[in-house]
Amino acid sequence: MPIPHIELDATLVRQALDEALTRFPQFAGFGPHLVGRPIYQGVAYQITWKVEPPAEVTGGWEFQNSAVKAYQRLSEGR
């Protein structure tokens, strides 16, 4: 059974991913998407992929952190 996700603001997700992809362009071709997963007290953010990047493409953790921080910053400004 798939883990449910929380709807995030699509415009802010796109902006956050665009910002992260400027720092980590090697992930652009893998179709990254930022989703929110419900947890006990809040939400956990995660990058999902259309195509999983191969192991030799490094920086995935940093890319995810960059996208999450950008989304959080952008959503606070609303």
PDB file of N, CA and C in Angstrom:
ATOM      1  N   MET A   1       0.845  -1.178   0.000  1.00  0.00           N
ATOM      2  CA  MET A   1       0.000   0.000   0.000  1.00  0.00           C
ATOM      3  C   MET A   1       0.893   1.246   0.000  1.00  0.00           C
ATOM      4  N   PRO A   2       0.669   2.172  -0.939  1.00  0.00           N
ATOM      5  CA  PRO A   2       1.508   3.372  -1.000  1.00  0.00           C
ATOM      6  C   PRO A   2       1.277   4.277   0.213  1.00  0.00           C
ATOM      7  N   ILE A   3       2.334   4.980   0.585  1.00  0.00           N
ATOM      8  CA  ILE A   3       2.239   5.933   1.686  1.00  0.00           C
ATOM      9  C   ILE A   3       1.475   7.155   1.183  1.00  0.00           C
ATOM     10  N   PRO A   4       0.461   7.611   1.921  1.00  0.00           N
ATOM     11  CA  PRO A   4      -0.290   8.776   1.456  1.00  0.00           C
ATOM     12  C   PRO A   4       0.582  10.032   1.459  1.00  0.00           C
ATOM     13  N   HIS A   5       0.163  11.010   0.679  1.00  0.00           N
ATOM     14  CA  HIS A   5       0.911  12.261   0.671  1.00  0.00           C
ATOM     15  C   HIS A   5      -0.043  13.431   0.899  1.00  0.00           C
ATOM     16  N   ILE A   6       0.529  14.528   1.334  1.00  0.00           N
ATOM     17  CA  ILE A   6      -0.205  15.754   1.593  1.00  0.00           C
ATOM     18  C   ILE A   6      -0.051  16.644   0.368  1.00  0.00           C
ATOM     19  N   GLU A   7      -1.141  17.272  -0.059  1.00  0.00           N
ATOM     20  CA  GLU A   7      -1.069  18.181  -1.194  1.00  0.00           C
ATOM     21  C   GLU A   7      -0.249  19.410  -0.824  1.00  0.00           C
ATOM     22  N   LEU A   8       0.758  19.681  -1.604  1.00  0.00           N
ATOM     23  CA  LEU A   8       1.575  20.867  -1.434  1.00  0.00           C
ATOM     24  C   LEU A   8       1.195  21.861  -2.524  1.00  0.00           C
ATOM     25  N   ASP A   9       1.498  23.111  -2.309  1.00  0.00           N
ATOM     26  CA  ASP A   9       1.220  24.153  -3.292  1.00  0.00           C
ATOM     27  C   ASP A   9       2.085  23.899  -4.532  1.00  0.00           C
ATOM     28  N   ALA A  10       1.445  23.586  -5.642  1.00  0.00           N
ATOM     29  CA  ALA A  10       2.160  23.201  -6.866  1.00  0.00           C
ATOM     30  C   ALA A  10       3.085  24.305  -7.374  1.00  0.00           C
ATOM     31  N   THR A  11       2.674  25.548  -7.250  1.00  0.00           N
ATOM     32  CA  THR A  11       3.508  26.663  -7.702  1.00  0.00           C
ATOM     33  C   THR A  11       4.775  26.754  -6.863  1.00  0.00           C
ATOM     34  N   LEU A  12       4.627  26.613  -5.545  1.00  0.00           N
ATOM     35  CA  LEU A  12       5.789  26.678  -4.669  1.00  0.00           C
ATOM     36  C   LEU A  12       6.705  25.470  -4.852  1.00  0.00           C
ATOM     37  N   VAL A  13       6.116  24.303  -5.110  1.00  0.00           N
ATOM     38  CA  VAL A  13       6.921  23.109  -5.374  1.00  0.00           C
ATOM     39  C   VAL A  13       7.781  23.342  -6.618  1.00  0.00           C
ATOM     40  N   ARG A  14       7.182  23.871  -7.669  1.00  0.00           N
ATOM     41  CA  ARG A  14       7.927  24.127  -8.913  1.00  0.00           C
ATOM     42  C   ARG A  14       9.051  25.134  -8.671  1.00  0.00           C
ATOM     43  N   GLN A  15       8.755  26.207  -7.932  1.00  0.00           N
ATOM     44  CA  GLN A  15       9.773  27.209  -7.633  1.00  0.00           C
ATOM     45  C   GLN A  15      10.908  26.613  -6.808  1.00  0.00           C
ATOM     46  N   ALA A  16      10.555  25.810  -5.812  1.00  0.00           N
ATOM     47  CA  ALA A  16      11.566  25.191  -4.949  1.00  0.00           C
ATOM     48  C   ALA A  16      12.439  24.231  -5.747  1.00  0.00           C
ATOM     49  N   LEU A  17      11.818  23.423  -6.611  1.00  0.00           N
ATOM     50  CA  LEU A  17      12.589  22.484  -7.427  1.00  0.00           C
ATOM     51  C   LEU A  17      13.475  23.233  -8.423  1.00  0.00           C
ATOM     52  N   ASP A  18      12.946  24.279  -9.038  1.00  0.00           N
ATOM     53  CA  ASP A  18      13.758  25.065  -9.974  1.00  0.00           C
ATOM     54  C   ASP A  18      14.982  25.640  -9.266  1.00  0.00           C
ATOM     55  N   GLU A  19      14.770  26.140  -8.054  1.00  0.00           N
ATOM     56  CA  GLU A  19      15.878  26.696  -7.283  1.00  0.00           C
ATOM     57  C   GLU A  19      16.924  25.618  -6.968  1.00  0.00           C
ATOM     58  N   ALA A  20      16.452  24.453  -6.529  1.00  0.00           N
ATOM     59  CA  ALA A  20      17.377  23.359  -6.204  1.00  0.00           C
ATOM     60  C   ALA A  20      18.097  22.854  -7.455  1.00  0.00           C
ATOM     61  N   LEU A  21      17.390  22.823  -8.586  1.00  0.00           N
ATOM     62  CA  LEU A  21      18.001  22.332  -9.821  1.00  0.00           C
ATOM     63  C   LEU A  21      19.058  23.282 -10.368  1.00  0.00           C
ATOM     64  N   THR A  22      19.013  24.550  -9.998  1.00  0.00           N
ATOM     65  CA  THR A  22      20.090  25.445 -10.422  1.00  0.00           C
ATOM     66  C   THR A  22      21.392  25.063  -9.736  1.00  0.00           C
ATOM     67  N   ARG A  23      21.308  24.535  -8.527  1.00  0.00           N
ATOM     68  CA  ARG A  23      22.502  24.088  -7.797  1.00  0.00           C
ATOM     69  C   ARG A  23      22.880  22.648  -8.142  1.00  0.00           C
ATOM     70  N   PHE A  24      21.885  21.840  -8.515  1.00  0.00           N
ATOM     71  CA  PHE A  24      22.108  20.413  -8.780  1.00  0.00           C
ATOM     72  C   PHE A  24      21.453  20.023 -10.114  1.00  0.00           C
ATOM     73  N   PRO A  25      21.946  20.564 -11.222  1.00  0.00           N
ATOM     74  CA  PRO A  25      21.301  20.313 -12.523  1.00  0.00           C
ATOM     75  C   PRO A  25      21.360  18.859 -12.974  1.00  0.00           C
ATOM     76  N   GLN A  26      22.221  18.055 -12.372  1.00  0.00           N
ATOM     77  CA  GLN A  26      22.338  16.653 -12.771  1.00  0.00           C
ATOM     78  C   GLN A  26      21.055  15.852 -12.499  1.00  0.00           C
ATOM     79  N   PHE A  27      20.117  16.414 -11.726  1.00  0.00           N
ATOM     80  CA  PHE A  27      18.888  15.695 -11.401  1.00  0.00           C
ATOM     81  C   PHE A  27      17.702  16.096 -12.278  1.00  0.00           C
ATOM     82  N   ALA A  28      17.880  17.059 -13.142  1.00  0.00           N
ATOM     83  CA  ALA A  28      16.768  17.574 -13.951  1.00  0.00           C
ATOM     84  C   ALA A  28      16.114  16.502 -14.820  1.00  0.00           C
ATOM     85  N   GLY A  29      16.887  15.612 -15.393  1.00  0.00           N
ATOM     86  CA  GLY A  29      16.349  14.612 -16.307  1.00  0.00           C
ATOM     87  C   GLY A  29      15.648  13.436 -15.651  1.00  0.00           C
ATOM     88  N   PHE A  30      15.596  13.414 -14.337  1.00  0.00           N
ATOM     89  CA  PHE A  30      15.005  12.268 -13.641  1.00  0.00           C
ATOM     90  C   PHE A  30      13.587  12.534 -13.138  1.00  0.00           C
ATOM     91  N   GLY A  31      13.044  13.709 -13.455  1.00  0.00           N
ATOM     92  CA  GLY A  31      11.669  14.033 -13.090  1.00  0.00           C
ATOM     93  C   GLY A  31      11.424  14.122 -11.597  1.00  0.00           C
ATOM     94  N   PRO A  32      12.208  14.944 -10.878  1.00  0.00           N
ATOM     95  CA  PRO A  32      11.978  15.049  -9.437  1.00  0.00           C
ATOM     96  C   PRO A  32      10.666  15.755  -9.119  1.00  0.00           C
ATOM     97  N   HIS A  33      10.071  15.347  -8.021  1.00  0.00           N
ATOM     98  CA  HIS A  33       8.856  15.986  -7.520  1.00  0.00           C
ATOM     99  C   HIS A  33       8.926  15.989  -6.001  1.00  0.00           C
ATOM    100  N   LEU A  34       8.504  17.072  -5.397  1.00  0.00           N
ATOM    101  CA  LEU A  34       8.516  17.192  -3.945  1.00  0.00           C
ATOM    102  C   LEU A  34       7.127  16.856  -3.409  1.00  0.00           C
ATOM    103  N   VAL A  35       7.068  15.934  -2.454  1.00  0.00           N
ATOM    104  CA  VAL A  35       5.805  15.557  -1.823  1.00  0.00           C
ATOM    105  C   VAL A  35       5.939  15.694  -0.315  1.00  0.00           C
ATOM    106  N   GLY A  36       4.795  15.808   0.335  1.00  0.00           N
ATOM    107  CA  GLY A  36       4.745  15.824   1.790  1.00  0.00           C
ATOM    108  C   GLY A  36       4.091  14.545   2.279  1.00  0.00           C
ATOM    109  N   ARG A  37       4.676  13.946   3.286  1.00  0.00           N
ATOM    110  CA  ARG A  37       4.129  12.721   3.883  1.00  0.00           C
ATOM    111  C   ARG A  37       3.700  13.034   5.315  1.00  0.00           C
ATOM    112  N   PRO A  38       2.479  12.652   5.683  1.00  0.00           N
ATOM    113  CA  PRO A  38       2.043  12.927   7.055  1.00  0.00           C
ATOM    114  C   PRO A  38       2.835  12.107   8.068  1.00  0.00           C
ATOM    115  N   ILE A  39       3.226  12.771   9.138  1.00  0.00           N
ATOM    116  CA  ILE A  39       3.850  12.091  10.269  1.00  0.00           C
ATOM    117  C   ILE A  39       3.100  12.503  11.516  1.00  0.00           C
ATOM    118  N   TYR A  40       3.467  11.940  12.630  1.00  0.00           N
ATOM    119  CA  TYR A  40       2.738  12.151  13.874  1.00  0.00           C
ATOM    120  C   TYR A  40       2.454  13.627  14.155  1.00  0.00           C
ATOM    121  N   GLN A  41       3.452  14.466  14.090  1.00  0.00           N
ATOM    122  CA  GLN A  41       3.263  15.891  14.368  1.00  0.00           C
ATOM    123  C   GLN A  41       3.759  16.731  13.202  1.00  0.00           C
ATOM    124  N   GLY A  42       3.069  16.688  12.099  1.00  0.00           N
ATOM    125  CA  GLY A  42       3.445  17.528  10.978  1.00  0.00           C
ATOM    126  C   GLY A  42       3.580  16.777   9.675  1.00  0.00           C
ATOM    127  N   VAL A  43       4.637  17.142   8.956  1.00  0.00           N
ATOM    128  CA  VAL A  43       4.842  16.594   7.619  1.00  0.00           C
ATOM    129  C   VAL A  43       6.332  16.354   7.395  1.00  0.00           C
ATOM    130  N   ALA A  44       6.629  15.294   6.673  1.00  0.00           N
ATOM    131  CA  ALA A  44       7.996  15.009   6.236  1.00  0.00           C
ATOM    132  C   ALA A  44       8.012  15.206   4.721  1.00  0.00           C
ATOM    133  N   TYR A  45       8.986  15.931   4.240  1.00  0.00           N
ATOM    134  CA  TYR A  45       9.107  16.194   2.807  1.00  0.00           C
ATOM    135  C   TYR A  45      10.051  15.182   2.175  1.00  0.00           C
ATOM    136  N   GLN A  46       9.726  14.809   0.933  1.00  0.00           N
ATOM    137  CA  GLN A  46      10.520  13.800   0.239  1.00  0.00           C
ATOM    138  C   GLN A  46      10.509  14.088  -1.260  1.00  0.00           C
ATOM    139  N   ILE A  47      11.632  13.834  -1.895  1.00  0.00           N
ATOM    140  CA  ILE A  47      11.700  13.893  -3.356  1.00  0.00           C
ATOM    141  C   ILE A  47      11.314  12.524  -3.894  1.00  0.00           C
ATOM    142  N   THR A  48      10.400  12.515  -4.843  1.00  0.00           N
ATOM    143  CA  THR A  48      10.082  11.289  -5.580  1.00  0.00           C
ATOM    144  C   THR A  48      10.547  11.511  -7.019  1.00  0.00           C
ATOM    145  N   TRP A  49      10.740  10.434  -7.744  1.00  0.00           N
ATOM    146  CA  TRP A  49      11.328  10.497  -9.080  1.00  0.00           C
ATOM    147  C   TRP A  49      10.449   9.780 -10.094  1.00  0.00           C
ATOM    148  N   LYS A  50      10.410  10.314 -11.321  1.00  0.00           N
ATOM    149  CA  LYS A  50       9.806   9.566 -12.422  1.00  0.00           C
ATOM    150  C   LYS A  50      10.718   8.400 -12.775  1.00  0.00           C
ATOM    151  N   VAL A  51      12.029   8.680 -12.788  1.00  0.00           N
ATOM    152  CA  VAL A  51      13.057   7.669 -13.040  1.00  0.00           C
ATOM    153  C   VAL A  51      14.103   7.811 -11.941  1.00  0.00           C
ATOM    154  N   GLU A  52      14.357   6.747 -11.228  1.00  0.00           N
ATOM    155  CA  GLU A  52      15.339   6.772 -10.131  1.00  0.00           C
ATOM    156  C   GLU A  52      16.734   7.073 -10.684  1.00  0.00           C
ATOM    157  N   PRO A  53      17.406   8.094 -10.133  1.00  0.00           N
ATOM    158  CA  PRO A  53      18.768   8.380 -10.602  1.00  0.00           C
ATOM    159  C   PRO A  53      19.716   7.216 -10.275  1.00  0.00           C
ATOM    160  N   PRO A  54      20.645   6.929 -11.163  1.00  0.00           N
ATOM    161  CA  PRO A  54      21.609   5.865 -10.871  1.00  0.00           C
ATOM    162  C   PRO A  54      22.538   6.271  -9.722  1.00  0.00           C
ATOM    163  N   ALA A  55      23.140   5.298  -9.109  1.00  0.00           N
ATOM    164  CA  ALA A  55      23.994   5.524  -7.937  1.00  0.00           C
ATOM    165  C   ALA A  55      25.167   6.449  -8.241  1.00  0.00           C
ATOM    166  N   GLU A  56      25.640   6.459  -9.461  1.00  0.00           N
ATOM    167  CA  GLU A  56      26.802   7.296  -9.777  1.00  0.00           C
ATOM    168  C   GLU A  56      26.466   8.788  -9.870  1.00  0.00           C
ATOM    169  N   VAL A  57      25.179   9.134  -9.890  1.00  0.00           N
ATOM    170  CA  VAL A  57      24.778  10.545  -9.854  1.00  0.00           C
ATOM    171  C   VAL A  57      24.717  10.941  -8.384  1.00  0.00           C
ATOM    172  N   THR A  58      25.714  11.679  -7.953  1.00  0.00           N
ATOM    173  CA  THR A  58      25.839  11.998  -6.533  1.00  0.00           C
ATOM    174  C   THR A  58      25.168  13.322  -6.187  1.00  0.00           C
ATOM    175  N   GLY A  59      24.915  13.505  -4.905  1.00  0.00           N
ATOM    176  CA  GLY A  59      24.346  14.742  -4.401  1.00  0.00           C
ATOM    177  C   GLY A  59      22.854  14.692  -4.158  1.00  0.00           C
ATOM    178  N   GLY A  60      22.278  13.506  -4.189  1.00  0.00           N
ATOM    179  CA  GLY A  60      20.826  13.378  -4.011  1.00  0.00           C
ATOM    180  C   GLY A  60      20.323  13.909  -2.681  1.00  0.00           C
ATOM    181  N   TRP A  61      21.037  13.614  -1.626  1.00  0.00           N
ATOM    182  CA  TRP A  61      20.629  14.080  -0.298  1.00  0.00           C
ATOM    183  C   TRP A  61      20.669  15.606  -0.235  1.00  0.00           C
ATOM    184  N   GLU A  62      21.726  16.192  -0.761  1.00  0.00           N
ATOM    185  CA  GLU A  62      21.871  17.638  -0.768  1.00  0.00           C
ATOM    186  C   GLU A  62      20.805  18.297  -1.653  1.00  0.00           C
ATOM    187  N   PHE A  63      20.495  17.657  -2.782  1.00  0.00           N
ATOM    188  CA  PHE A  63      19.440  18.168  -3.658  1.00  0.00           C
ATOM    189  C   PHE A  63      18.106  18.176  -2.921  1.00  0.00           C
ATOM    190  N   GLN A  64      17.779  17.075  -2.262  1.00  0.00           N
ATOM    191  CA  GLN A  64      16.514  16.999  -1.524  1.00  0.00           C
ATOM    192  C   GLN A  64      16.467  18.067  -0.431  1.00  0.00           C
ATOM    193  N   ASN A  65      17.539  18.208   0.334  1.00  0.00           N
ATOM    194  CA  ASN A  65      17.570  19.216   1.399  1.00  0.00           C
ATOM    195  C   ASN A  65      17.397  20.621   0.831  1.00  0.00           C
ATOM    196  N   SER A  66      18.022  20.891  -0.299  1.00  0.00           N
ATOM    197  CA  SER A  66      17.917  22.197  -0.932  1.00  0.00           C
ATOM    198  C   SER A  66      16.473  22.479  -1.355  1.00  0.00           C
ATOM    199  N   ALA A  67      15.814  21.497  -1.959  1.00  0.00           N
ATOM    200  CA  ALA A  67      14.427  21.667  -2.398  1.00  0.00           C
ATOM    201  C   ALA A  67      13.490  21.850  -1.199  1.00  0.00           C
ATOM    202  N   VAL A  68      13.679  21.068  -0.159  1.00  0.00           N
ATOM    203  CA  VAL A  68      12.826  21.162   1.028  1.00  0.00           C
ATOM    204  C   VAL A  68      12.992  22.521   1.698  1.00  0.00           C
ATOM    205  N   LYS A  69      14.218  22.952   1.883  1.00  0.00           N
ATOM    206  CA  LYS A  69      14.454  24.255   2.521  1.00  0.00           C
ATOM    207  C   LYS A  69      13.876  25.392   1.680  1.00  0.00           C
ATOM    208  N   ALA A  70      14.004  25.293   0.376  1.00  0.00           N
ATOM    209  CA  ALA A  70      13.425  26.323  -0.497  1.00  0.00           C
ATOM    210  C   ALA A  70      11.914  26.336  -0.375  1.00  0.00           C
ATOM    211  N   TYR A  71      11.289  25.150  -0.366  1.00  0.00           N
ATOM    212  CA  TYR A  71       9.825  25.084  -0.230  1.00  0.00           C
ATOM    213  C   TYR A  71       9.370  25.678   1.101  1.00  0.00           C
ATOM    214  N   GLN A  72      10.052  25.313   2.166  1.00  0.00           N
ATOM    215  CA  GLN A  72       9.683  25.831   3.487  1.00  0.00           C
ATOM    216  C   GLN A  72       9.813  27.351   3.530  1.00  0.00           C
ATOM    217  N   ARG A  73      10.901  27.874   2.983  1.00  0.00           N
ATOM    218  CA  ARG A  73      11.118  29.313   2.974  1.00  0.00           C
ATOM    219  C   ARG A  73      10.041  30.010   2.144  1.00  0.00           C
ATOM    220  N   LEU A  74       9.741  29.476   0.966  1.00  0.00           N
ATOM    221  CA  LEU A  74       8.732  30.076   0.103  1.00  0.00           C
ATOM    222  C   LEU A  74       7.338  30.014   0.743  1.00  0.00           C
ATOM    223  N   SER A  75       7.018  28.915   1.382  1.00  0.00           N
ATOM    224  CA  SER A  75       5.689  28.780   1.984  1.00  0.00           C
ATOM    225  C   SER A  75       5.518  29.673   3.209  1.00  0.00           C
ATOM    226  N   GLU A  76       6.604  30.000   3.880  1.00  0.00           N
ATOM    227  CA  GLU A  76       6.525  30.918   5.023  1.00  0.00           C
ATOM    228  C   GLU A  76       6.220  32.337   4.554  1.00  0.00           C
ATOM    229  N   GLY A  77       6.629  32.663   3.355  1.00  0.00           N
ATOM    230  CA  GLY A  77       6.425  33.996   2.816  1.00  0.00           C
ATOM    231  C   GLY A  77       5.019  34.253   2.309  1.00  0.00           C
ATOM    232  N   ARG A  78       4.162  33.260   2.343  1.00  0.00           N
ATOM    233  CA  ARG A  78       2.792  33.421   1.813  1.00  0.00           C
ATOM    234  C   ARG A  78       1.910  34.124   2.781  1.00  0.00           C
TER     235      ARG A  78
END
